[in-house]
Amino acid sequence: MCLGFWLLSSTPAQAGVDDDRLDGNIFVVYAGNGSLVPPRLTIAETFERKLPAVIVYYLDDSRDCKEYAFIVSRYQEFYGRAASIIPIIVDSIPQKSSYKPDEPGYYYQGVVPQTVVLSANKKVIFNGKGVVKFEEVDDVLRKEFKLLPRSESVELKQRTFNEFNSELVSE
């Protein structure tokens, strides 16, 4: 009888992309991509290899970050072999008065999500605050890699395939 009462009185899990609740790692839960965390390379290792970097500051319990997780996964899909994709949970940044350019706190400006793109020569070439469109970062990376501008290449359209994810497809 106690078991029956317990089963009837328990509430279902309340995970959702439209709230600021902690549901687990956003890249696993909302982007279906556990390979983003922990990042493959640190900022220092990225500098040593002379790679461009896409640094994304996030929190797992932020609605905006949950929404943005899939876009970050797309950066990895298109640029992950040529650039370092570095998601950084802001709670992991040590608090101190100053940081070096190869430390996560150096570029963080107190907003999540925040996306910083560094060129291969360590210069900030993009600093977006909030949910930025894939195309904004794509344009910056196309310039960095000397790729054709979007207007001269195959156009990709966004198609939704479930309530959280969408994909870019050519039509």
C-alpha atoms as a PDB file:
ATOM      1  CA  MET A   1       0.000   0.000   0.000  1.00  0.00           C
ATOM      2  CA  CYS A   2       2.828   2.391   0.846  1.00  0.00           C
ATOM      3  CA  LEU A   3       4.477   1.600  -2.497  1.00  0.00           C
ATOM      4  CA  GLY A   4       1.236   2.382  -4.350  1.00  0.00           C
ATOM      5  CA  PHE A   5       0.837   5.691  -2.535  1.00  0.00           C
ATOM      6  CA  TRP A   6       4.477   6.597  -3.270  1.00  0.00           C
ATOM      7  CA  LEU A   7       4.076   5.791  -6.974  1.00  0.00           C
ATOM      8  CA  LEU A   8       0.886   7.850  -7.253  1.00  0.00           C
ATOM      9  CA  SER A   9       2.280  10.825  -5.365  1.00  0.00           C
ATOM     10  CA  SER A  10       5.603  11.095  -7.202  1.00  0.00           C
ATOM     11  CA  THR A  11       5.857  13.835  -9.790  1.00  0.00           C
ATOM     12  CA  PRO A  12       7.351  13.317 -13.230  1.00  0.00           C
ATOM     13  CA  ALA A  13      10.672  14.916 -14.150  1.00  0.00           C
ATOM     14  CA  GLN A  14      10.236  18.498 -15.283  1.00  0.00           C
ATOM     15  CA  ALA A  15      13.061  19.042 -17.774  1.00  0.00           C
ATOM     16  CA  GLY A  16      12.548  21.687 -20.398  1.00  0.00           C
ATOM     17  CA  VAL A  17      14.389  23.963 -22.774  1.00  0.00           C
ATOM     18  CA  ASP A  18      12.146  26.892 -21.807  1.00  0.00           C
ATOM     19  CA  ASP A  19      13.272  27.230 -18.190  1.00  0.00           C
ATOM     20  CA  ASP A  20      16.356  27.873 -16.090  1.00  0.00           C
ATOM     21  CA  ARG A  21      16.346  24.494 -14.359  1.00  0.00           C
ATOM     22  CA  LEU A  22      19.338  22.199 -14.295  1.00  0.00           C
ATOM     23  CA  ASP A  23      18.552  19.190 -16.494  1.00  0.00           C
ATOM     24  CA  GLY A  24      22.107  17.897 -16.937  1.00  0.00           C
ATOM     25  CA  ASN A  25      24.788  18.933 -19.384  1.00  0.00           C
ATOM     26  CA  ILE A  26      23.116  21.011 -22.100  1.00  0.00           C
ATOM     27  CA  PHE A  27      25.247  19.596 -24.910  1.00  0.00           C
ATOM     28  CA  VAL A  28      24.236  16.044 -24.046  1.00  0.00           C
ATOM     29  CA  VAL A  29      20.570  16.772 -23.244  1.00  0.00           C
ATOM     30  CA  TYR A  30      19.657  19.406 -25.850  1.00  0.00           C
ATOM     31  CA  ALA A  31      22.230  18.993 -28.632  1.00  0.00           C
ATOM     32  CA  GLY A  32      22.708  15.229 -28.365  1.00  0.00           C
ATOM     33  CA  ASN A  33      26.466  15.816 -28.433  1.00  0.00           C
ATOM     34  CA  GLY A  34      28.482  14.614 -25.471  1.00  0.00           C
ATOM     35  CA  SER A  35      31.753  14.992 -27.389  1.00  0.00           C
ATOM     36  CA  LEU A  36      31.857  18.750 -26.776  1.00  0.00           C
ATOM     37  CA  VAL A  37      32.506  18.437 -23.051  1.00  0.00           C
ATOM     38  CA  PRO A  38      35.114  18.339 -21.820  1.00  0.00           C
ATOM     39  CA  PRO A  39      36.681  20.212 -24.749  1.00  0.00           C
ATOM     40  CA  ARG A  40      39.297  18.327 -26.746  1.00  0.00           C
ATOM     41  CA  LEU A  41      41.863  21.135 -26.308  1.00  0.00           C
ATOM     42  CA  THR A  42      42.376  23.922 -23.794  1.00  0.00           C
ATOM     43  CA  ILE A  43      42.948  27.501 -24.904  1.00  0.00           C
ATOM     44  CA  ALA A  44      46.689  27.086 -24.206  1.00  0.00           C
ATOM     45  CA  GLU A  45      46.862  23.888 -26.305  1.00  0.00           C
ATOM     46  CA  THR A  46      44.941  25.630 -29.091  1.00  0.00           C
ATOM     47  CA  PHE A  47      47.492  28.465 -29.064  1.00  0.00           C
ATOM     48  CA  GLU A  48      50.377  25.956 -29.182  1.00  0.00           C
ATOM     49  CA  ARG A  49      48.843  24.322 -32.268  1.00  0.00           C
ATOM     50  CA  LYS A  50      48.143  27.711 -33.885  1.00  0.00           C
ATOM     51  CA  LEU A  51      44.459  26.902 -34.421  1.00  0.00           C
ATOM     52  CA  PRO A  52      41.500  29.271 -34.477  1.00  0.00           C
ATOM     53  CA  ALA A  53      39.203  28.819 -31.483  1.00  0.00           C
ATOM     54  CA  VAL A  54      35.493  29.142 -30.822  1.00  0.00           C
ATOM     55  CA  ILE A  55      35.097  29.660 -27.072  1.00  0.00           C
ATOM     56  CA  VAL A  56      31.547  29.409 -25.748  1.00  0.00           C
ATOM     57  CA  TYR A  57      30.806  30.424 -22.167  1.00  0.00           C
ATOM     58  CA  TYR A  58      27.685  28.760 -20.782  1.00  0.00           C
ATOM     59  CA  LEU A  59      25.701  27.546 -17.780  1.00  0.00           C
ATOM     60  CA  ASP A  60      23.762  24.278 -17.733  1.00  0.00           C
ATOM     61  CA  ASP A  61      20.795  25.945 -16.003  1.00  0.00           C
ATOM     62  CA  SER A  62      20.333  28.844 -18.436  1.00  0.00           C
ATOM     63  CA  ARG A  63      17.399  28.823 -20.861  1.00  0.00           C
ATOM     64  CA  ASP A  64      19.401  30.804 -23.435  1.00  0.00           C
ATOM     65  CA  CYS A  65      22.337  28.402 -23.167  1.00  0.00           C
ATOM     66  CA  LYS A  66      20.017  25.421 -23.598  1.00  0.00           C
ATOM     67  CA  GLU A  67      18.674  26.996 -26.780  1.00  0.00           C
ATOM     68  CA  TYR A  68      22.198  27.773 -28.004  1.00  0.00           C
ATOM     69  CA  ALA A  69      23.652  24.294 -27.336  1.00  0.00           C
ATOM     70  CA  PHE A  70      22.572  22.912 -30.691  1.00  0.00           C
ATOM     71  CA  ILE A  71      24.148  25.829 -32.563  1.00  0.00           C
ATOM     72  CA  VAL A  72      27.442  25.198 -30.743  1.00  0.00           C
ATOM     73  CA  SER A  73      27.199  21.576 -31.835  1.00  0.00           C
ATOM     74  CA  ARG A  74      26.870  22.822 -35.424  1.00  0.00           C
ATOM     75  CA  TYR A  75      30.125  24.781 -35.063  1.00  0.00           C
ATOM     76  CA  GLN A  76      31.815  21.521 -34.168  1.00  0.00           C
ATOM     77  CA  GLU A  77      30.194  19.720 -37.086  1.00  0.00           C
ATOM     78  CA  PHE A  78      31.375  22.241 -39.669  1.00  0.00           C
ATOM     79  CA  TYR A  79      34.641  23.481 -38.149  1.00  0.00           C
ATOM     80  CA  GLY A  80      35.660  20.963 -35.468  1.00  0.00           C
ATOM     81  CA  ARG A  81      38.510  19.471 -37.491  1.00  0.00           C
ATOM     82  CA  ALA A  82      40.095  22.824 -38.358  1.00  0.00           C
ATOM     83  CA  ALA A  83      39.284  24.903 -35.260  1.00  0.00           C
ATOM     84  CA  SER A  84      39.173  24.228 -31.558  1.00  0.00           C
ATOM     85  CA  ILE A  85      35.624  24.338 -30.153  1.00  0.00           C
ATOM     86  CA  ILE A  86      35.910  25.122 -26.433  1.00  0.00           C
ATOM     87  CA  PRO A  87      32.720  25.201 -24.339  1.00  0.00           C
ATOM     88  CA  ILE A  88      33.503  26.587 -20.878  1.00  0.00           C
ATOM     89  CA  ILE A  89      31.035  26.382 -18.013  1.00  0.00           C
ATOM     90  CA  VAL A  90      31.441  29.734 -16.262  1.00  0.00           C
ATOM     91  CA  ASP A  91      31.222  28.185 -12.793  1.00  0.00           C
ATOM     92  CA  SER A  92      34.588  26.527 -13.521  1.00  0.00           C
ATOM     93  CA  ILE A  93      36.440  29.823 -14.082  1.00  0.00           C
ATOM     94  CA  PRO A  94      38.635  30.524 -11.057  1.00  0.00           C
ATOM     95  CA  GLN A  95      37.956  33.919  -9.517  1.00  0.00           C
ATOM     96  CA  LYS A  96      41.038  36.101  -9.513  1.00  0.00           C
ATOM     97  CA  SER A  97      41.931  39.709 -10.278  1.00  0.00           C
ATOM     98  CA  SER A  98      43.508  39.102 -13.695  1.00  0.00           C
ATOM     99  CA  TYR A  99      43.949  36.360 -16.262  1.00  0.00           C
ATOM    100  CA  LYS A 100      46.413  35.511 -19.022  1.00  0.00           C
ATOM    101  CA  PRO A 101      45.187  35.203 -22.641  1.00  0.00           C
ATOM    102  CA  ASP A 102      45.427  31.397 -22.452  1.00  0.00           C
ATOM    103  CA  GLU A 103      43.103  31.221 -19.412  1.00  0.00           C
ATOM    104  CA  PRO A 104      39.295  30.898 -19.671  1.00  0.00           C
ATOM    105  CA  GLY A 105      38.566  33.983 -17.565  1.00  0.00           C
ATOM    106  CA  TYR A 106      40.499  36.322 -19.873  1.00  0.00           C
ATOM    107  CA  TYR A 107      37.725  36.677 -22.494  1.00  0.00           C
ATOM    108  CA  TYR A 108      34.656  36.211 -20.279  1.00  0.00           C
ATOM    109  CA  GLN A 109      32.513  39.336 -19.836  1.00  0.00           C
ATOM    110  CA  GLY A 110      29.857  38.154 -17.379  1.00  0.00           C
ATOM    111  CA  VAL A 111      27.181  37.082 -19.897  1.00  0.00           C
ATOM    112  CA  VAL A 112      25.930  33.638 -20.932  1.00  0.00           C
ATOM    113  CA  PRO A 113      25.987  32.491 -23.538  1.00  0.00           C
ATOM    114  CA  GLN A 114      29.000  34.371 -24.834  1.00  0.00           C
ATOM    115  CA  THR A 115      30.847  33.310 -27.977  1.00  0.00           C
ATOM    116  CA  VAL A 116      34.415  34.427 -28.632  1.00  0.00           C
ATOM    117  CA  VAL A 117      36.192  33.500 -31.858  1.00  0.00           C
ATOM    118  CA  LEU A 118      39.975  33.762 -31.838  1.00  0.00           C
ATOM    119  CA  SER A 119      42.051  33.741 -35.008  1.00  0.00           C
ATOM    120  CA  ALA A 120      44.980  31.379 -35.423  1.00  0.00           C
ATOM    121  CA  ASN A 121      47.224  34.292 -34.361  1.00  0.00           C
ATOM    122  CA  LYS A 122      45.295  34.711 -31.050  1.00  0.00           C
ATOM    123  CA  LYS A 123      43.304  37.836 -31.967  1.00  0.00           C
ATOM    124  CA  VAL A 124      39.636  38.225 -30.988  1.00  0.00           C
ATOM    125  CA  ILE A 125      37.772  38.346 -34.313  1.00  0.00           C
ATOM    126  CA  PHE A 126      34.255  37.934 -32.900  1.00  0.00           C
ATOM    127  CA  ASN A 127      32.676  38.496 -29.496  1.00  0.00           C
ATOM    128  CA  GLY A 128      28.957  37.751 -29.401  1.00  0.00           C
ATOM    129  CA  LYS A 129      26.805  38.013 -26.307  1.00  0.00           C
ATOM    130  CA  GLY A 130      23.594  36.048 -25.976  1.00  0.00           C
ATOM    131  CA  VAL A 131      22.274  33.557 -28.496  1.00  0.00           C
ATOM    132  CA  VAL A 132      23.995  34.387 -31.778  1.00  0.00           C
ATOM    133  CA  LYS A 133      22.970  32.968 -35.118  1.00  0.00           C
ATOM    134  CA  PHE A 134      25.062  30.209 -36.641  1.00  0.00           C
ATOM    135  CA  GLU A 135      25.577  32.404 -39.700  1.00  0.00           C
ATOM    136  CA  GLU A 136      27.289  35.171 -37.694  1.00  0.00           C
ATOM    137  CA  VAL A 137      30.050  32.863 -36.488  1.00  0.00           C
ATOM    138  CA  ASP A 138      30.093  30.997 -39.807  1.00  0.00           C
ATOM    139  CA  ASP A 139      30.833  34.261 -41.658  1.00  0.00           C
ATOM    140  CA  VAL A 140      33.757  34.998 -39.326  1.00  0.00           C
ATOM    141  CA  LEU A 141      35.167  31.482 -39.667  1.00  0.00           C
ATOM    142  CA  ARG A 142      34.746  31.544 -43.447  1.00  0.00           C
ATOM    143  CA  LYS A 143      36.968  34.650 -43.519  1.00  0.00           C
ATOM    144  CA  GLU A 144      39.505  33.080 -41.155  1.00  0.00           C
ATOM    145  CA  PHE A 145      39.752  29.934 -43.306  1.00  0.00           C
ATOM    146  CA  LYS A 146      39.549  31.876 -46.589  1.00  0.00           C
ATOM    147  CA  LEU A 147      36.416  30.016 -47.672  1.00  0.00           C
ATOM    148  CA  LEU A 148      33.879  31.299 -50.164  1.00  0.00           C
ATOM    149  CA  PRO A 149      31.324  33.665 -48.680  1.00  0.00           C
ATOM    150  CA  ARG A 150      27.902  32.160 -48.129  1.00  0.00           C
ATOM    151  CA  SER A 151      26.514  34.102 -51.122  1.00  0.00           C
ATOM    152  CA  GLU A 152      28.898  32.205 -53.422  1.00  0.00           C
ATOM    153  CA  SER A 153      28.521  28.734 -51.928  1.00  0.00           C
ATOM    154  CA  VAL A 154      25.714  26.225 -51.497  1.00  0.00           C
ATOM    155  CA  GLU A 155      22.960  27.795 -49.430  1.00  0.00           C
ATOM    156  CA  LEU A 156      21.996  25.871 -46.318  1.00  0.00           C
ATOM    157  CA  LYS A 157      18.433  26.023 -44.997  1.00  0.00           C
ATOM    158  CA  GLN A 158      17.439  25.236 -41.440  1.00  0.00           C
ATOM    159  CA  ARG A 159      15.027  22.345 -40.977  1.00  0.00           C
ATOM    160  CA  THR A 160      13.634  21.347 -37.591  1.00  0.00           C
ATOM    161  CA  PHE A 161      13.501  17.652 -36.826  1.00  0.00           C
ATOM    162  CA  ASN A 162      12.374  17.750 -33.207  1.00  0.00           C
ATOM    163  CA  GLU A 163      11.451  20.344 -30.611  1.00  0.00           C
ATOM    164  CA  PHE A 164      15.090  21.070 -29.679  1.00  0.00           C
ATOM    165  CA  ASN A 165      17.178  20.441 -32.770  1.00  0.00           C
ATOM    166  CA  SER A 166      17.226  21.525 -36.347  1.00  0.00           C
ATOM    167  CA  GLU A 167      19.633  20.826 -39.133  1.00  0.00           C
ATOM    168  CA  LEU A 168      21.106  22.773 -41.999  1.00  0.00           C
ATOM    169  CA  VAL A 169      20.375  21.236 -45.395  1.00  0.00           C
ATOM    170  CA  SER A 170      20.921  22.335 -48.971  1.00  0.00           C
ATOM    171  CA  GLU A 171      17.818  22.633 -51.091  1.00  0.00           C
END
